[in-house]
Amino acid sequence: MNIFGLFGRRGATAPVARERLQILLAHERKSARDSDLIAVLHKEVLIAISKHINVDPEKVMVKMHRKEDMSLLEIDIEIEPAATLESAAAFADDAVLEEDLSGKAA
C-alpha cells in the first residue's frame, strides 16, 4: 500500500502552473500599457494647461483606475493662486487685443 495513494492523485501541476503564468503575464502587459498611456496623457495635459497658466509638472497627477466594466481617469492639478490671477489677466488682455484688431479690420 502506497501512503501517497491515500490522499488521492492530484492533477498534473504543469498545466495549472502554465495557466497561472499566462494570467500573470497578461496582467503585467496590461499594466505596462496603462503606464505608457498615463505617461502620454500626463505630457499632453501638461502641454495643454501650460498654454494658459504656469504649472509645476510635479503637481500634475494622472491616475487610471480600472474596474470590471469601467475605467476611471483621474487628473489632479495643483494650481497656485498667483498663477490663476496672472493667467486671468493675460487672458483678458488677449481678449481686448482681439476686439481691437477685429474692430479695426471691420
PDB file of N, CA and C in Angstrom:
ATOM      1  N   MET A   1       0.843  -1.171   0.000  1.00  0.00           N
ATOM      2  CA  MET A   1       0.000   0.000   0.000  1.00  0.00           C
ATOM      3  C   MET A   1       0.889   1.234   0.000  1.00  0.00           C
ATOM      4  N   ASN A   2       0.574   2.120  -0.882  1.00  0.00           N
ATOM      5  CA  ASN A   2       1.340   3.363  -1.029  1.00  0.00           C
ATOM      6  C   ASN A   2       0.680   4.445  -0.180  1.00  0.00           C
ATOM      7  N   ILE A   3       1.436   5.083   0.677  1.00  0.00           N
ATOM      8  CA  ILE A   3       0.884   6.112   1.562  1.00  0.00           C
ATOM      9  C   ILE A   3       0.396   7.329   0.782  1.00  0.00           C
ATOM     10  N   PHE A   4       1.041   7.633  -0.323  1.00  0.00           N
ATOM     11  CA  PHE A   4       0.638   8.788  -1.123  1.00  0.00           C
ATOM     12  C   PHE A   4      -0.686   8.541  -1.846  1.00  0.00           C
ATOM     13  N   GLY A   5      -1.027   7.296  -2.041  1.00  0.00           N
ATOM     14  CA  GLY A   5      -2.276   6.956  -2.694  1.00  0.00           C
ATOM     15  C   GLY A   5      -3.494   7.238  -1.827  1.00  0.00           C
ATOM     16  N   LEU A   6      -3.306   7.370  -0.527  1.00  0.00           N
ATOM     17  CA  LEU A   6      -4.418   7.640   0.376  1.00  0.00           C
ATOM     18  C   LEU A   6      -5.025   9.027   0.165  1.00  0.00           C
ATOM     19  N   PHE A   7      -4.222   9.953  -0.235  1.00  0.00           N
ATOM     20  CA  PHE A   7      -4.690  11.330  -0.371  1.00  0.00           C
ATOM     21  C   PHE A   7      -5.253  11.632  -1.752  1.00  0.00           C
ATOM     22  N   GLY A   8      -5.275  10.682  -2.587  1.00  0.00           N
ATOM     23  CA  GLY A   8      -5.793  10.897  -3.933  1.00  0.00           C
ATOM     24  C   GLY A   8      -4.719  11.480  -4.837  1.00  0.00           C
ATOM     25  N   ARG A   9      -4.906  11.271  -6.076  1.00  0.00           N
ATOM     26  CA  ARG A   9      -3.918  11.739  -7.041  1.00  0.00           C
ATOM     27  C   ARG A   9      -4.320  13.128  -7.517  1.00  0.00           C
ATOM     28  N   ARG A  10      -3.375  14.039  -7.443  1.00  0.00           N
ATOM     29  CA  ARG A  10      -3.644  15.389  -7.929  1.00  0.00           C
ATOM     30  C   ARG A  10      -3.395  15.430  -9.428  1.00  0.00           C
ATOM     31  N   GLY A  11      -4.071  16.345 -10.062  1.00  0.00           N
ATOM     32  CA  GLY A  11      -3.887  16.514 -11.493  1.00  0.00           C
ATOM     33  C   GLY A  11      -2.479  17.008 -11.788  1.00  0.00           C
ATOM     34  N   ALA A  12      -2.159  17.017 -13.032  1.00  0.00           N
ATOM     35  CA  ALA A  12      -0.836  17.471 -13.448  1.00  0.00           C
ATOM     36  C   ALA A  12      -0.655  18.934 -13.054  1.00  0.00           C
ATOM     37  N   THR A  13       0.474  19.250 -12.455  1.00  0.00           N
ATOM     38  CA  THR A  13       0.712  20.618 -11.992  1.00  0.00           C
ATOM     39  C   THR A  13       1.221  21.522 -13.102  1.00  0.00           C
ATOM     40  N   ALA A  14       1.803  20.962 -14.138  1.00  0.00           N
ATOM     41  CA  ALA A  14       2.351  21.792 -15.223  1.00  0.00           C
ATOM     42  C   ALA A  14       1.272  22.629 -15.917  1.00  0.00           C
ATOM     43  N   PRO A  15       0.127  22.067 -16.286  1.00  0.00           N
ATOM     44  CA  PRO A  15      -0.906  22.902 -16.920  1.00  0.00           C
ATOM     45  C   PRO A  15      -1.431  24.004 -15.990  1.00  0.00           C
ATOM     46  N   VAL A  16      -1.553  23.696 -14.721  1.00  0.00           N
ATOM     47  CA  VAL A  16      -2.017  24.700 -13.764  1.00  0.00           C
ATOM     48  C   VAL A  16      -0.991  25.820 -13.651  1.00  0.00           C
ATOM     49  N   ALA A  17       0.269  25.458 -13.555  1.00  0.00           N
ATOM     50  CA  ALA A  17       1.335  26.463 -13.470  1.00  0.00           C
ATOM     51  C   ALA A  17       1.384  27.303 -14.741  1.00  0.00           C
ATOM     52  N   ARG A  18       1.207  26.662 -15.887  1.00  0.00           N
ATOM     53  CA  ARG A  18       1.219  27.385 -17.164  1.00  0.00           C
ATOM     54  C   ARG A  18       0.063  28.390 -17.219  1.00  0.00           C
ATOM     55  N   GLU A  19      -1.118  27.983 -16.785  1.00  0.00           N
ATOM     56  CA  GLU A  19      -2.276  28.874 -16.787  1.00  0.00           C
ATOM     57  C   GLU A  19      -2.052  30.061 -15.848  1.00  0.00           C
ATOM     58  N   ARG A  20      -1.510  29.807 -14.680  1.00  0.00           N
ATOM     59  CA  ARG A  20      -1.231  30.896 -13.737  1.00  0.00           C
ATOM     60  C   ARG A  20      -0.207  31.865 -14.312  1.00  0.00           C
ATOM     61  N   LEU A  21       0.800  31.350 -14.975  1.00  0.00           N
ATOM     62  CA  LEU A  21       1.822  32.196 -15.591  1.00  0.00           C
ATOM     63  C   LEU A  21       1.221  33.049 -16.704  1.00  0.00           C
ATOM     64  N   GLN A  22       0.330  32.473 -17.503  1.00  0.00           N
ATOM     65  CA  GLN A  22      -0.317  33.241 -18.565  1.00  0.00           C
ATOM     66  C   GLN A  22      -1.163  34.374 -17.992  1.00  0.00           C
ATOM     67  N   ILE A  23      -1.859  34.117 -16.908  1.00  0.00           N
ATOM     68  CA  ILE A  23      -2.653  35.167 -16.259  1.00  0.00           C
ATOM     69  C   ILE A  23      -1.743  36.263 -15.732  1.00  0.00           C
ATOM     70  N   LEU A  24      -0.659  35.882 -15.097  1.00  0.00           N
ATOM     71  CA  LEU A  24       0.295  36.855 -14.567  1.00  0.00           C
ATOM     72  C   LEU A  24       0.894  37.711 -15.680  1.00  0.00           C
ATOM     73  N   LEU A  25       1.274  37.090 -16.785  1.00  0.00           N
ATOM     74  CA  LEU A  25       1.842  37.831 -17.917  1.00  0.00           C
ATOM     75  C   LEU A  25       0.821  38.781 -18.535  1.00  0.00           C
ATOM     76  N   ALA A  26      -0.429  38.358 -18.625  1.00  0.00           N
ATOM     77  CA  ALA A  26      -1.476  39.235 -19.168  1.00  0.00           C
ATOM     78  C   ALA A  26      -1.642  40.468 -18.291  1.00  0.00           C
ATOM     79  N   HIS A  27      -1.614  40.286 -16.984  1.00  0.00           N
ATOM     80  CA  HIS A  27      -1.724  41.434 -16.070  1.00  0.00           C
ATOM     81  C   HIS A  27      -0.514  42.354 -16.197  1.00  0.00           C
ATOM     82  N   GLU A  28       0.668  41.778 -16.347  1.00  0.00           N
ATOM     83  CA  GLU A  28       1.886  42.585 -16.499  1.00  0.00           C
ATOM     84  C   GLU A  28       1.841  43.404 -17.786  1.00  0.00           C
ATOM     85  N   ARG A  29       1.406  42.790 -18.879  1.00  0.00           N
ATOM     86  CA  ARG A  29       1.318  43.516 -20.154  1.00  0.00           C
ATOM     87  C   ARG A  29       0.305  44.649 -20.063  1.00  0.00           C
ATOM     88  N   LYS A  30      -0.829  44.380 -19.455  1.00  0.00           N
ATOM     89  CA  LYS A  30      -1.865  45.401 -19.296  1.00  0.00           C
ATOM     90  C   LYS A  30      -1.344  46.548 -18.442  1.00  0.00           C
ATOM     91  N   SER A  31      -0.639  46.230 -17.396  1.00  0.00           N
ATOM     92  CA  SER A  31      -0.080  47.253 -16.509  1.00  0.00           C
ATOM     93  C   SER A  31       0.942  48.113 -17.247  1.00  0.00           C
ATOM     94  N   ALA A  32       1.763  47.506 -18.097  1.00  0.00           N
ATOM     95  CA  ALA A  32       2.761  48.259 -18.868  1.00  0.00           C
ATOM     96  C   ALA A  32       2.077  49.192 -19.864  1.00  0.00           C
ATOM     97  N   ARG A  33       1.015  48.705 -20.527  1.00  0.00           N
ATOM     98  CA  ARG A  33       0.277  49.561 -21.470  1.00  0.00           C
ATOM     99  C   ARG A  33      -0.359  50.739 -20.743  1.00  0.00           C
ATOM    100  N   ASP A  34      -0.911  50.477 -19.566  1.00  0.00           N
ATOM    101  CA  ASP A  34      -1.537  51.546 -18.789  1.00  0.00           C
ATOM    102  C   ASP A  34      -0.520  52.601 -18.383  1.00  0.00           C
ATOM    103  N   SER A  35       0.669  52.179 -17.964  1.00  0.00           N
ATOM    104  CA  SER A  35       1.668  53.161 -17.542  1.00  0.00           C
ATOM    105  C   SER A  35       2.157  53.979 -18.732  1.00  0.00           C
ATOM    106  N   ASP A  36       2.252  53.375 -19.919  1.00  0.00           N
ATOM    107  CA  ASP A  36       2.614  54.134 -21.124  1.00  0.00           C
ATOM    108  C   ASP A  36       1.532  55.157 -21.452  1.00  0.00           C
ATOM    109  N   LEU A  37       0.287  54.755 -21.365  1.00  0.00           N
ATOM    110  CA  LEU A  37      -0.831  55.656 -21.637  1.00  0.00           C
ATOM    111  C   LEU A  37      -0.854  56.806 -20.637  1.00  0.00           C
ATOM    112  N   ILE A  38      -0.628  56.501 -19.379  1.00  0.00           N
ATOM    113  CA  ILE A  38      -0.629  57.538 -18.347  1.00  0.00           C
ATOM    114  C   ILE A  38       0.495  58.535 -18.595  1.00  0.00           C
ATOM    115  N   ALA A  39       1.663  58.070 -19.007  1.00  0.00           N
ATOM    116  CA  ALA A  39       2.780  58.979 -19.295  1.00  0.00           C
ATOM    117  C   ALA A  39       2.440  59.912 -20.455  1.00  0.00           C
ATOM    118  N   VAL A  40       1.827  59.386 -21.501  1.00  0.00           N
ATOM    119  CA  VAL A  40       1.439  60.209 -22.653  1.00  0.00           C
ATOM    120  C   VAL A  40       0.368  61.218 -22.243  1.00  0.00           C
ATOM    121  N   LEU A  41      -0.624  60.771 -21.497  1.00  0.00           N
ATOM    122  CA  LEU A  41      -1.678  61.679 -21.040  1.00  0.00           C
ATOM    123  C   LEU A  41      -1.117  62.776 -20.142  1.00  0.00           C
ATOM    124  N   HIS A  42      -0.195  62.415 -19.263  1.00  0.00           N
ATOM    125  CA  HIS A  42       0.424  63.405 -18.370  1.00  0.00           C
ATOM    126  C   HIS A  42       1.114  64.485 -19.194  1.00  0.00           C
ATOM    127  N   LYS A  43       1.867  64.077 -20.194  1.00  0.00           N
ATOM    128  CA  LYS A  43       2.591  65.033 -21.041  1.00  0.00           C
ATOM    129  C   LYS A  43       1.619  65.942 -21.796  1.00  0.00           C
ATOM    130  N   GLU A  44       0.576  65.367 -22.384  1.00  0.00           N
ATOM    131  CA  GLU A  44      -0.372  66.156 -23.169  1.00  0.00           C
ATOM    132  C   GLU A  44      -1.196  67.100 -22.295  1.00  0.00           C
ATOM    133  N   VAL A  45      -1.580  66.658 -21.111  1.00  0.00           N
ATOM    134  CA  VAL A  45      -2.313  67.534 -20.189  1.00  0.00           C
ATOM    135  C   VAL A  45      -1.421  68.691 -19.774  1.00  0.00           C
ATOM    136  N   LEU A  46      -0.173  68.408 -19.483  1.00  0.00           N
ATOM    137  CA  LEU A  46       0.775  69.447 -19.085  1.00  0.00           C
ATOM    138  C   LEU A  46       0.964  70.474 -20.198  1.00  0.00           C
ATOM    139  N   ILE A  47       1.069  70.023 -21.436  1.00  0.00           N
ATOM    140  CA  ILE A  47       1.215  70.938 -22.578  1.00  0.00           C
ATOM    141  C   ILE A  47      -0.027  71.811 -22.717  1.00  0.00           C
ATOM    142  N   ALA A  48      -1.199  71.204 -22.624  1.00  0.00           N
ATOM    143  CA  ALA A  48      -2.449  71.963 -22.779  1.00  0.00           C
ATOM    144  C   ALA A  48      -2.624  72.994 -21.667  1.00  0.00           C
ATOM    145  N   ILE A  49      -2.361  72.607 -20.435  1.00  0.00           N
ATOM    146  CA  ILE A  49      -2.523  73.521 -19.303  1.00  0.00           C
ATOM    147  C   ILE A  49      -1.481  74.632 -19.360  1.00  0.00           C
ATOM    148  N   SER A  50      -0.262  74.301 -19.766  1.00  0.00           N
ATOM    149  CA  SER A  50       0.826  75.285 -19.801  1.00  0.00           C
ATOM    150  C   SER A  50       0.583  76.397 -20.813  1.00  0.00           C
ATOM    151  N   LYS A  51      -0.302  76.173 -21.768  1.00  0.00           N
ATOM    152  CA  LYS A  51      -0.641  77.229 -22.721  1.00  0.00           C
ATOM    153  C   LYS A  51      -1.377  78.371 -22.035  1.00  0.00           C
ATOM    154  N   HIS A  52      -2.022  78.080 -20.905  1.00  0.00           N
ATOM    155  CA  HIS A  52      -2.871  79.068 -20.249  1.00  0.00           C
ATOM    156  C   HIS A  52      -2.348  79.538 -18.896  1.00  0.00           C
ATOM    157  N   ILE A  53      -1.710  78.634 -18.159  1.00  0.00           N
ATOM    158  CA  ILE A  53      -1.171  79.017 -16.850  1.00  0.00           C
ATOM    159  C   ILE A  53       0.166  78.328 -16.620  1.00  0.00           C
ATOM    160  N   ASN A  54       0.957  78.902 -15.728  1.00  0.00           N
ATOM    161  CA  ASN A  54       2.208  78.262 -15.330  1.00  0.00           C
ATOM    162  C   ASN A  54       1.888  77.222 -14.267  1.00  0.00           C
ATOM    163  N   VAL A  55       2.357  76.025 -14.491  1.00  0.00           N
ATOM    164  CA  VAL A  55       2.088  74.938 -13.553  1.00  0.00           C
ATOM    165  C   VAL A  55       3.354  74.098 -13.405  1.00  0.00           C
ATOM    166  N   ASP A  56       3.599  73.645 -12.191  1.00  0.00           N
ATOM    167  CA  ASP A  56       4.743  72.786 -11.902  1.00  0.00           C
ATOM    168  C   ASP A  56       4.416  71.368 -12.383  1.00  0.00           C
ATOM    169  N   PRO A  57       5.246  70.792 -13.256  1.00  0.00           N
ATOM    170  CA  PRO A  57       4.967  69.439 -13.766  1.00  0.00           C
ATOM    171  C   PRO A  57       4.834  68.392 -12.657  1.00  0.00           C
ATOM    172  N   GLU A  58       5.507  68.615 -11.542  1.00  0.00           N
ATOM    173  CA  GLU A  58       5.422  67.668 -10.429  1.00  0.00           C
ATOM    174  C   GLU A  58       4.056  67.716  -9.740  1.00  0.00           C
ATOM    175  N   LYS A  59       3.290  68.771 -10.001  1.00  0.00           N
ATOM    176  CA  LYS A  59       1.993  68.930  -9.343  1.00  0.00           C
ATOM    177  C   LYS A  59       0.828  68.543 -10.252  1.00  0.00           C
ATOM    178  N   VAL A  60       1.142  67.878 -11.350  1.00  0.00           N
ATOM    179  CA  VAL A  60       0.115  67.339 -12.241  1.00  0.00           C
ATOM    180  C   VAL A  60       0.144  65.821 -12.080  1.00  0.00           C
ATOM    181  N   MET A  61      -0.935  65.269 -11.559  1.00  0.00           N
ATOM    182  CA  MET A  61      -1.013  63.832 -11.316  1.00  0.00           C
ATOM    183  C   MET A  61      -2.089  63.218 -12.207  1.00  0.00           C
ATOM    184  N   VAL A  62      -1.725  62.170 -12.922  1.00  0.00           N
ATOM    185  CA  VAL A  62      -2.677  61.450 -13.771  1.00  0.00           C
ATOM    186  C   VAL A  62      -2.716  60.011 -13.268  1.00  0.00           C
ATOM    187  N   LYS A  63      -3.909  59.543 -12.961  1.00  0.00           N
ATOM    188  CA  LYS A  63      -4.086  58.178 -12.456  1.00  0.00           C
ATOM    189  C   LYS A  63      -5.208  57.501 -13.230  1.00  0.00           C
ATOM    190  N   MET A  64      -5.083  56.196 -13.383  1.00  0.00           N
ATOM    191  CA  MET A  64      -6.134  55.428 -14.038  1.00  0.00           C
ATOM    192  C   MET A  64      -6.547  54.293 -13.109  1.00  0.00           C
ATOM    193  N   HIS A  65      -7.839  54.191 -12.895  1.00  0.00           N
ATOM    194  CA  HIS A  65      -8.400  53.124 -12.080  1.00  0.00           C
ATOM    195  C   HIS A  65      -9.290  52.281 -12.987  1.00  0.00           C
ATOM    196  N   ARG A  66      -9.106  50.977 -12.941  1.00  0.00           N
ATOM    197  CA  ARG A  66      -9.921  50.084 -13.768  1.00  0.00           C
ATOM    198  C   ARG A  66     -10.775  49.196 -12.878  1.00  0.00           C
ATOM    199  N   LYS A  67     -12.010  49.049 -13.303  1.00  0.00           N
ATOM    200  CA  LYS A  67     -12.920  48.095 -12.678  1.00  0.00           C
ATOM    201  C   LYS A  67     -13.348  47.140 -13.779  1.00  0.00           C
ATOM    202  N   GLU A  68     -14.175  46.204 -13.442  1.00  0.00           N
ATOM    203  CA  GLU A  68     -14.582  45.199 -14.421  1.00  0.00           C
ATOM    204  C   GLU A  68     -15.244  45.812 -15.645  1.00  0.00           C
ATOM    205  N   ASP A  69     -16.133  46.775 -15.431  1.00  0.00           N
ATOM    206  CA  ASP A  69     -16.909  47.310 -16.543  1.00  0.00           C
ATOM    207  C   ASP A  69     -16.639  48.782 -16.827  1.00  0.00           C
ATOM    208  N   MET A  70     -15.629  49.369 -16.159  1.00  0.00           N
ATOM    209  CA  MET A  70     -15.422  50.805 -16.312  1.00  0.00           C
ATOM    210  C   MET A  70     -13.976  51.170 -15.996  1.00  0.00           C
ATOM    211  N   SER A  71     -13.474  52.179 -16.704  1.00  0.00           N
ATOM    212  CA  SER A  71     -12.169  52.759 -16.399  1.00  0.00           C
ATOM    213  C   SER A  71     -12.389  54.199 -15.980  1.00  0.00           C
ATOM    214  N   LEU A  72     -11.643  54.636 -14.982  1.00  0.00           N
ATOM    215  CA  LEU A  72     -11.766  55.993 -14.470  1.00  0.00           C
ATOM    216  C   LEU A  72     -10.415  56.677 -14.612  1.00  0.00           C
ATOM    217  N   LEU A  73     -10.401  57.815 -15.294  1.00  0.00           N
ATOM    218  CA  LEU A  73      -9.187  58.607 -15.453  1.00  0.00           C
ATOM    219  C   LEU A  73      -9.288  59.782 -14.499  1.00  0.00           C
ATOM    220  N   GLU A  74      -8.322  59.902 -13.615  1.00  0.00           N
ATOM    221  CA  GLU A  74      -8.317  60.966 -12.614  1.00  0.00           C
ATOM    222  C   GLU A  74      -7.130  61.880 -12.889  1.00  0.00           C
ATOM    223  N   ILE A  75      -7.402  63.173 -13.070  1.00  0.00           N
ATOM    224  CA  ILE A  75      -6.352  64.163 -13.301  1.00  0.00           C
ATOM    225  C   ILE A  75      -6.441  65.187 -12.181  1.00  0.00           C
ATOM    226  N   ASP A  76      -5.358  65.322 -11.433  1.00  0.00           N
ATOM    227  CA  ASP A  76      -5.310  66.234 -10.299  1.00  0.00           C
ATOM    228  C   ASP A  76      -4.208  67.253 -10.568  1.00  0.00           C
ATOM    229  N   ILE A  77      -4.579  68.533 -10.650  1.00  0.00           N
ATOM    230  CA  ILE A  77      -3.620  69.599 -10.948  1.00  0.00           C
ATOM    231  C   ILE A  77      -3.656  70.606  -9.812  1.00  0.00           C
ATOM    232  N   GLU A  78      -2.521  70.762  -9.154  1.00  0.00           N
ATOM    233  CA  GLU A  78      -2.421  71.753  -8.090  1.00  0.00           C
ATOM    234  C   GLU A  78      -1.972  73.068  -8.722  1.00  0.00           C
ATOM    235  N   ILE A  79      -2.817  74.083  -8.600  1.00  0.00           N
ATOM    236  CA  ILE A  79      -2.549  75.379  -9.228  1.00  0.00           C
ATOM    237  C   ILE A  79      -2.371  76.424  -8.133  1.00  0.00           C
ATOM    238  N   GLU A  80      -1.296  77.173  -8.226  1.00  0.00           N
ATOM    239  CA  GLU A  80      -1.045  78.251  -7.276  1.00  0.00           C
ATOM    240  C   GLU A  80      -2.018  79.392  -7.552  1.00  0.00           C
ATOM    241  N   PRO A  81      -2.539  80.056  -6.523  1.00  0.00           N
ATOM    242  CA  PRO A  81      -3.474  81.174  -6.733  1.00  0.00           C
ATOM    243  C   PRO A  81      -2.879  82.289  -7.586  1.00  0.00           C
ATOM    244  N   ALA A  82      -1.595  82.594  -7.418  1.00  0.00           N
ATOM    245  CA  ALA A  82      -0.963  83.657  -8.204  1.00  0.00           C
ATOM    246  C   ALA A  82      -0.960  83.301  -9.688  1.00  0.00           C
ATOM    247  N   ALA A  83      -0.743  82.037 -10.018  1.00  0.00           N
ATOM    248  CA  ALA A  83      -0.732  81.605 -11.419  1.00  0.00           C
ATOM    249  C   ALA A  83      -2.110  81.798 -12.037  1.00  0.00           C
ATOM    250  N   THR A  84      -3.154  81.553 -11.272  1.00  0.00           N
ATOM    251  CA  THR A  84      -4.515  81.722 -11.771  1.00  0.00           C
ATOM    252  C   THR A  84      -4.809  83.185 -12.062  1.00  0.00           C
ATOM    253  N   LEU A  85      -4.395  84.074 -11.162  1.00  0.00           N
ATOM    254  CA  LEU A  85      -4.629  85.504 -11.363  1.00  0.00           C
ATOM    255  C   LEU A  85      -3.853  86.032 -12.562  1.00  0.00           C
ATOM    256  N   GLU A  86      -2.595  85.606 -12.697  1.00  0.00           N
ATOM    257  CA  GLU A  86      -1.781  86.044 -13.835  1.00  0.00           C
ATOM    258  C   GLU A  86      -2.392  85.578 -15.145  1.00  0.00           C
ATOM    259  N   SER A  87      -2.847  84.336 -15.193  1.00  0.00           N
ATOM    260  CA  SER A  87      -3.410  83.813 -16.439  1.00  0.00           C
ATOM    261  C   SER A  87      -4.732  84.494 -16.769  1.00  0.00           C
ATOM    262  N   ALA A  88      -5.526  84.825 -15.749  1.00  0.00           N
ATOM    263  CA  ALA A  88      -6.793  85.518 -15.997  1.00  0.00           C
ATOM    264  C   ALA A  88      -6.532  86.903 -16.569  1.00  0.00           C
ATOM    265  N   ALA A  89      -5.523  87.592 -16.041  1.00  0.00           N
ATOM    266  CA  ALA A  89      -5.176  88.920 -16.551  1.00  0.00           C
ATOM    267  C   ALA A  89      -4.661  88.823 -17.985  1.00  0.00           C
ATOM    268  N   ALA A  90      -3.826  87.833 -18.263  1.00  0.00           N
ATOM    269  CA  ALA A  90      -3.298  87.656 -19.618  1.00  0.00           C
ATOM    270  C   ALA A  90      -4.421  87.310 -20.587  1.00  0.00           C
ATOM    271  N   PHE A  91      -5.361  86.481 -20.160  1.00  0.00           N
ATOM    272  CA  PHE A  91      -6.493  86.112 -21.000  1.00  0.00           C
ATOM    273  C   PHE A  91      -7.344  87.344 -21.309  1.00  0.00           C
ATOM    274  N   ALA A  92      -7.576  88.180 -20.305  1.00  0.00           N
ATOM    275  CA  ALA A  92      -8.359  89.405 -20.509  1.00  0.00           C
ATOM    276  C   ALA A  92      -7.643  90.345 -21.474  1.00  0.00           C
ATOM    277  N   ASP A  93      -6.316  90.476 -21.346  1.00  0.00           N
ATOM    278  CA  ASP A  93      -5.542  91.319 -22.259  1.00  0.00           C
ATOM    279  C   ASP A  93      -5.641  90.804 -23.693  1.00  0.00           C
ATOM    280  N   ASP A  94      -5.568  89.486 -23.871  1.00  0.00           N
ATOM    281  CA  ASP A  94      -5.683  88.892 -25.208  1.00  0.00           C
ATOM    282  C   ASP A  94      -7.066  89.150 -25.798  1.00  0.00           C
ATOM    283  N   ALA A  95      -8.111  89.063 -24.975  1.00  0.00           N
ATOM    284  CA  ALA A  95      -9.476  89.291 -25.452  1.00  0.00           C
ATOM    285  C   ALA A  95      -9.653  90.737 -25.903  1.00  0.00           C
ATOM    286  N   VAL A  96      -9.090  91.686 -25.151  1.00  0.00           N
ATOM    287  CA  VAL A  96      -9.176  93.102 -25.525  1.00  0.00           C
ATOM    288  C   VAL A  96      -8.422  93.342 -26.822  1.00  0.00           C
ATOM    289  N   LEU A  97      -7.250  92.735 -26.964  1.00  0.00           N
ATOM    290  CA  LEU A  97      -6.448  92.883 -28.177  1.00  0.00           C
ATOM    291  C   LEU A  97      -7.200  92.332 -29.383  1.00  0.00           C
ATOM    292  N   GLU A  98      -7.849  91.184 -29.234  1.00  0.00           N
ATOM    293  CA  GLU A  98      -8.611  90.598 -30.338  1.00  0.00           C
ATOM    294  C   GLU A  98      -9.777  91.497 -30.730  1.00  0.00           C
ATOM    295  N   GLU A  99     -10.440  92.096 -29.749  1.00  0.00           N
ATOM    296  CA  GLU A  99     -11.550  93.007 -30.047  1.00  0.00           C
ATOM    297  C   GLU A  99     -11.049  94.228 -30.807  1.00  0.00           C
ATOM    298  N   ASP A 100      -9.897  94.767 -30.392  1.00  0.00           N
ATOM    299  CA  ASP A 100      -9.324  95.924 -31.077  1.00  0.00           C
ATOM    300  C   ASP A 100      -8.983  95.579 -32.523  1.00  0.00           C
ATOM    301  N   LEU A 101      -8.376  94.413 -32.731  1.00  0.00           N
ATOM    302  CA  LEU A 101      -7.986  94.004 -34.080  1.00  0.00           C
ATOM    303  C   LEU A 101      -9.208  93.751 -34.953  1.00  0.00           C
ATOM    304  N   SER A 102     -10.230  93.129 -34.405  1.00  0.00           N
ATOM    305  CA  SER A 102     -11.425  92.844 -35.204  1.00  0.00           C
ATOM    306  C   SER A 102     -12.194  94.129 -35.496  1.00  0.00           C
ATOM    307  N   GLY A 103     -12.150  95.083 -34.584  1.00  0.00           N
ATOM    308  CA  GLY A 103     -12.813  96.366 -34.813  1.00  0.00           C
ATOM    309  C   GLY A 103     -12.125  97.167 -35.897  1.00  0.00           C
ATOM    310  N   LYS A 104     -10.794  97.107 -35.965  1.00  0.00           N
ATOM    311  CA  LYS A 104     -10.034  97.843 -36.980  1.00  0.00           C
ATOM    312  C   LYS A 104     -10.198  97.208 -38.350  1.00  0.00           C
ATOM    313  N   ALA A 105     -10.322  95.883 -38.367  1.00  0.00           N
ATOM    314  CA  ALA A 105     -10.434  95.194 -39.649  1.00  0.00           C
ATOM    315  C   ALA A 105     -11.806  95.422 -40.272  1.00  0.00           C
ATOM    316  N   ALA A 106     -12.814  95.668 -39.468  1.00  0.00           N
ATOM    317  CA  ALA A 106     -14.178  95.825 -39.971  1.00  0.00           C
ATOM    318  C   ALA A 106     -14.412  97.163 -40.506  1.00  0.00           C
TER     319      ALA A 106
END
